[in-house]
C-alpha atoms as a PDB file:
ATOM      1  CA  MET A   1      87.100  32.761 -28.469  1.00  0.00           C
ATOM      2  CA  ALA A   2      85.080  31.607 -31.473  1.00  0.00           C
ATOM      3  CA  GLU A   3      83.166  28.365 -31.276  1.00  0.00           C
ATOM      4  CA  PRO A   4      84.525  25.447 -33.301  1.00  0.00           C
ATOM      5  CA  ILE A   5      83.313  25.429 -36.901  1.00  0.00           C
ATOM      6  CA  GLN A   6      81.302  22.215 -36.502  1.00  0.00           C
ATOM      7  CA  GLU A   7      79.424  23.687 -33.543  1.00  0.00           C
ATOM      8  CA  ARG A   8      78.627  26.810 -35.570  1.00  0.00           C
ATOM      9  CA  ILE A   9      77.473  24.696 -38.529  1.00  0.00           C
ATOM     10  CA  LEU A  10      75.143  22.703 -36.278  1.00  0.00           C
ATOM     11  CA  ALA A  11      73.819  25.894 -34.693  1.00  0.00           C
ATOM     12  CA  GLY A  12      73.120  27.338 -38.147  1.00  0.00           C
ATOM     13  CA  LEU A  13      71.210  24.237 -39.198  1.00  0.00           C
ATOM     14  CA  GLY A  14      69.285  24.369 -35.934  1.00  0.00           C
ATOM     15  CA  ARG A  15      68.307  27.983 -36.623  1.00  0.00           C
ATOM     16  CA  ALA A  16      67.245  26.986 -40.143  1.00  0.00           C
ATOM     17  CA  ARG A  17      64.955  24.271 -38.785  1.00  0.00           C
ATOM     18  CA  ASP A  18      63.555  26.666 -36.166  1.00  0.00           C
ATOM     19  CA  LYS A  19      62.745  29.235 -38.850  1.00  0.00           C
ATOM     20  CA  LEU A  20      60.868  26.582 -40.844  1.00  0.00           C
ATOM     21  CA  VAL A  21      58.690  25.859 -37.797  1.00  0.00           C
ATOM     22  CA  VAL A  22      58.076  29.568 -37.238  1.00  0.00           C
ATOM     23  CA  ALA A  23      57.244  30.082 -40.927  1.00  0.00           C
ATOM     24  CA  ARG A  24      54.648  27.292 -40.753  1.00  0.00           C
ATOM     25  CA  CYS A  25      53.052  28.779 -37.614  1.00  0.00           C
ATOM     26  CA  VAL A  26      52.977  32.278 -39.092  1.00  0.00           C
ATOM     27  CA  LEU A  27      51.538  30.961 -42.345  1.00  0.00           C
ATOM     28  CA  ASP A  28      48.842  29.024 -40.485  1.00  0.00           C
ATOM     29  CA  ALA A  29      47.998  32.217 -38.585  1.00  0.00           C
ATOM     30  CA  GLY A  30      47.357  34.005 -41.898  1.00  0.00           C
ATOM     31  CA  PHE A  31      50.429  36.176 -42.314  1.00  0.00           C
ATOM     32  CA  PRO A  32      51.897  35.161 -45.691  1.00  0.00           C
ATOM     33  CA  ALA A  33      54.470  37.977 -46.012  1.00  0.00           C
ATOM     34  CA  ASP A  34      55.909  37.171 -42.594  1.00  0.00           C
ATOM     35  CA  ALA A  35      55.929  33.458 -43.412  1.00  0.00           C
ATOM     36  CA  VAL A  36      57.994  34.195 -46.523  1.00  0.00           C
ATOM     37  CA  SER A  37      60.431  36.205 -44.431  1.00  0.00           C
ATOM     38  CA  ASP A  38      60.924  33.321 -42.016  1.00  0.00           C
ATOM     39  CA  ALA A  39      61.202  30.865 -44.935  1.00  0.00           C
ATOM     40  CA  TYR A  40      63.980  33.018 -46.401  1.00  0.00           C
ATOM     41  CA  TYR A  41      65.819  33.111 -43.080  1.00  0.00           C
ATOM     42  CA  ALA A  42      65.674  29.320 -42.950  1.00  0.00           C
ATOM     43  CA  THR A  43      67.562  29.225 -46.259  1.00  0.00           C
ATOM     44  CA  PHE A  44      69.890  31.993 -45.091  1.00  0.00           C
ATOM     45  CA  HIS A  45      70.954  30.030 -42.008  1.00  0.00           C
ATOM     46  CA  ALA A  46      71.349  26.765 -43.935  1.00  0.00           C
ATOM     47  CA  ALA A  47      73.422  28.470 -46.646  1.00  0.00           C
ATOM     48  CA  SER A  48      75.551  30.171 -43.973  1.00  0.00           C
ATOM     49  CA  ALA A  49      76.183  26.789 -42.345  1.00  0.00           C
ATOM     50  CA  ALA A  50      77.268  25.283 -45.669  1.00  0.00           C
ATOM     51  CA  LEU A  51      79.590  28.196 -46.401  1.00  0.00           C
ATOM     52  CA  LEU A  52      81.299  27.676 -43.052  1.00  0.00           C
ATOM     53  CA  LEU A  53      82.525  24.356 -44.479  1.00  0.00           C
ATOM     54  CA  GLU A  54      84.498  26.428 -46.985  1.00  0.00           C
ATOM     55  CA  GLY A  55      85.714  28.904 -44.379  1.00  0.00           C
ATOM     56  CA  ASP A  56      83.447  31.612 -45.793  1.00  0.00           C
ATOM     57  CA  GLU A  57      81.429  34.046 -43.714  1.00  0.00           C
ATOM     58  CA  PRO A  58      79.750  36.564 -46.037  1.00  0.00           C
ATOM     59  CA  ARG A  59      78.994  39.919 -44.487  1.00  0.00           C
ATOM     60  CA  SER A  60      75.764  40.620 -46.377  1.00  0.00           C
ATOM     61  CA  HIS A  61      72.720  38.848 -47.750  1.00  0.00           C
ATOM     62  CA  GLU A  62      73.867  39.633 -51.279  1.00  0.00           C
ATOM     63  CA  GLY A  63      77.321  38.256 -50.488  1.00  0.00           C
ATOM     64  CA  LEU A  64      75.817  35.077 -49.077  1.00  0.00           C
ATOM     65  CA  LYS A  65      73.706  34.566 -52.211  1.00  0.00           C
ATOM     66  CA  THR A  66      76.682  35.168 -54.503  1.00  0.00           C
ATOM     67  CA  MET A  67      79.121  33.043 -52.543  1.00  0.00           C
ATOM     68  CA  PHE A  68      76.641  30.146 -52.247  1.00  0.00           C
ATOM     69  CA  GLY A  69      76.235  30.161 -56.016  1.00  0.00           C
ATOM     70  CA  LEU A  70      79.963  30.272 -56.653  1.00  0.00           C
ATOM     71  CA  ARG A  71      81.048  27.701 -54.083  1.00  0.00           C
ATOM     72  CA  PHE A  72      78.329  25.120 -54.522  1.00  0.00           C
ATOM     73  CA  VAL A  73      76.270  25.620 -57.678  1.00  0.00           C
ATOM     74  CA  LYS A  74      78.827  26.841 -60.202  1.00  0.00           C
ATOM     75  CA  SER A  75      81.159  24.058 -59.039  1.00  0.00           C
ATOM     76  CA  GLY A  76      78.369  21.498 -59.578  1.00  0.00           C
ATOM     77  CA  ARG A  77      78.320  20.367 -55.955  1.00  0.00           C
ATOM     78  CA  LEU A  78      74.681  21.390 -55.485  1.00  0.00           C
ATOM     79  CA  PRO A  79      71.844  21.823 -58.006  1.00  0.00           C
ATOM     80  CA  ALA A  80      71.151  25.225 -59.566  1.00  0.00           C
ATOM     81  CA  GLU A  81      67.588  25.115 -58.229  1.00  0.00           C
ATOM     82  CA  LEU A  82      68.936  25.770 -54.748  1.00  0.00           C
ATOM     83  CA  ALA A  83      70.560  29.034 -55.831  1.00  0.00           C
ATOM     84  CA  SER A  84      67.279  30.008 -57.473  1.00  0.00           C
ATOM     85  CA  ILE A  85      65.355  29.276 -54.278  1.00  0.00           C
ATOM     86  CA  LEU A  86      67.784  31.367 -52.220  1.00  0.00           C
ATOM     87  CA  ARG A  87      67.636  34.262 -54.705  1.00  0.00           C
ATOM     88  CA  ASP A  88      63.846  34.197 -55.093  1.00  0.00           C
ATOM     89  CA  LEU A  89      63.163  33.984 -51.366  1.00  0.00           C
ATOM     90  CA  LYS A  90      65.575  36.856 -50.717  1.00  0.00           C
ATOM     91  CA  ASP A  91      63.694  39.011 -53.228  1.00  0.00           C
ATOM     92  CA  GLU A  92      60.281  38.000 -51.871  1.00  0.00           C
ATOM     93  CA  ARG A  93      61.429  38.606 -48.288  1.00  0.00           C
ATOM     94  CA  GLU A  94      62.514  42.126 -49.200  1.00  0.00           C
ATOM     95  CA  ASN A  95      59.113  42.780 -50.802  1.00  0.00           C
ATOM     96  CA  GLY A  96      57.294  41.421 -47.767  1.00  0.00           C
ATOM     97  CA  ASP A  97      59.456  43.148 -45.173  1.00  0.00           C
ATOM     98  CA  TYR A  98      59.783  46.588 -46.770  1.00  0.00           C
ATOM     99  CA  SER A  99      56.563  47.131 -48.697  1.00  0.00           C
ATOM    100  CA  VAL A 100      53.568  48.660 -46.952  1.00  0.00           C
ATOM    101  CA  PHE A 101      51.393  46.621 -49.342  1.00  0.00           C
ATOM    102  CA  PRO A 102      53.339  43.399 -49.942  1.00  0.00           C
ATOM    103  CA  ALA A 103      52.129  41.452 -52.966  1.00  0.00           C
ATOM    104  CA  ILE A 104      52.482  38.059 -51.295  1.00  0.00           C
ATOM    105  CA  THR A 105      49.501  35.742 -51.278  1.00  0.00           C
ATOM    106  CA  GLN A 106      48.839  32.718 -49.103  1.00  0.00           C
ATOM    107  CA  GLN A 107      49.611  30.564 -52.152  1.00  0.00           C
ATOM    108  CA  ASP A 108      52.951  32.368 -52.639  1.00  0.00           C
ATOM    109  CA  ALA A 109      53.822  31.692 -49.009  1.00  0.00           C
ATOM    110  CA  VAL A 110      52.889  27.994 -49.261  1.00  0.00           C
ATOM    111  CA  ARG A 111      55.243  27.649 -52.239  1.00  0.00           C
ATOM    112  CA  ALA A 112      57.980  29.639 -50.475  1.00  0.00           C
ATOM    113  CA  LEU A 113      57.779  27.412 -47.431  1.00  0.00           C
ATOM    114  CA  ALA A 114      57.943  24.251 -49.549  1.00  0.00           C
ATOM    115  CA  ASP A 115      60.987  25.669 -51.362  1.00  0.00           C
ATOM    116  CA  ALA A 116      62.667  26.564 -48.069  1.00  0.00           C
ATOM    117  CA  GLU A 117      62.002  23.080 -46.687  1.00  0.00           C
ATOM    118  CA  ARG A 118      63.627  21.550 -49.777  1.00  0.00           C
ATOM    119  CA  PHE A 119      66.597  23.915 -49.503  1.00  0.00           C
ATOM    120  CA  VAL A 120      67.212  23.118 -45.835  1.00  0.00           C
ATOM    121  CA  ARG A 121      66.773  19.368 -46.419  1.00  0.00           C
ATOM    122  CA  ASP A 122      69.173  19.311 -49.398  1.00  0.00           C
ATOM    123  CA  VAL A 123      71.803  21.527 -47.772  1.00  0.00           C
ATOM    124  CA  THR A 124      71.636  19.481 -44.568  1.00  0.00           C
ATOM    125  CA  ALA A 125      72.191  16.292 -46.585  1.00  0.00           C
ATOM    126  CA  PHE A 126      75.137  17.955 -48.361  1.00  0.00           C
ATOM    127  CA  ILE A 127      76.688  19.007 -45.051  1.00  0.00           C
ATOM    128  CA  GLU A 128      76.232  15.486 -43.679  1.00  0.00           C
ATOM    129  CA  ALA A 129      77.910  14.068 -46.802  1.00  0.00           C
ATOM    130  CA  GLN A 130      80.927  16.240 -45.936  1.00  0.00           C
ATOM    131  CA  GLY A 131      81.269  14.372 -42.642  1.00  0.00           C
ATOM    132  CA  VAL A 132      79.414  16.671 -40.286  1.00  0.00           C
ATOM    133  CA  ARG A 133      77.053  14.750 -38.029  1.00  0.00           C
ATOM    134  CA  THR A 134      73.804  16.604 -37.592  1.00  0.00           C
END
C-alpha cells in the first residue's frame, strides 16, 4: 500500500534537505563535481515533492524538469528562475557524473549549492502555502 501523499511529500523534502547537507560536506572536502550532483538531487527531490501536490510522478529526470515547468512556472505559481536552476543543475550534474574530466570548478559548485538551497527553500515555502505542514 502506498504511503499517504503528505507523508511522501514530507519525505521528499527531507531527502532534499539531506542532499543539501551532503553537498556542503562534499564541497568542503574538495569534490566540486560530486557536490553539484548532490545539489541537483536536492532540487530533484524538492521538485518531486511539489509535483506530488498535483498528483504527478514523472518517470524520468527530463519528465520531472518539463512537468515542473508546466505545472508551476508556466502557470505563474513559481518564478521562472526555479525552472532555470533545475535545468542548469541537471545539465551540470550530467557533466559531472558522466565526464571523465568534468569541467566543474569549486566556484561552480559554490554557486550550484547556493542555487539548490534557494530552490529547496522556495519550493518548501510553496508547499507550506498549499497547506502541507513541514
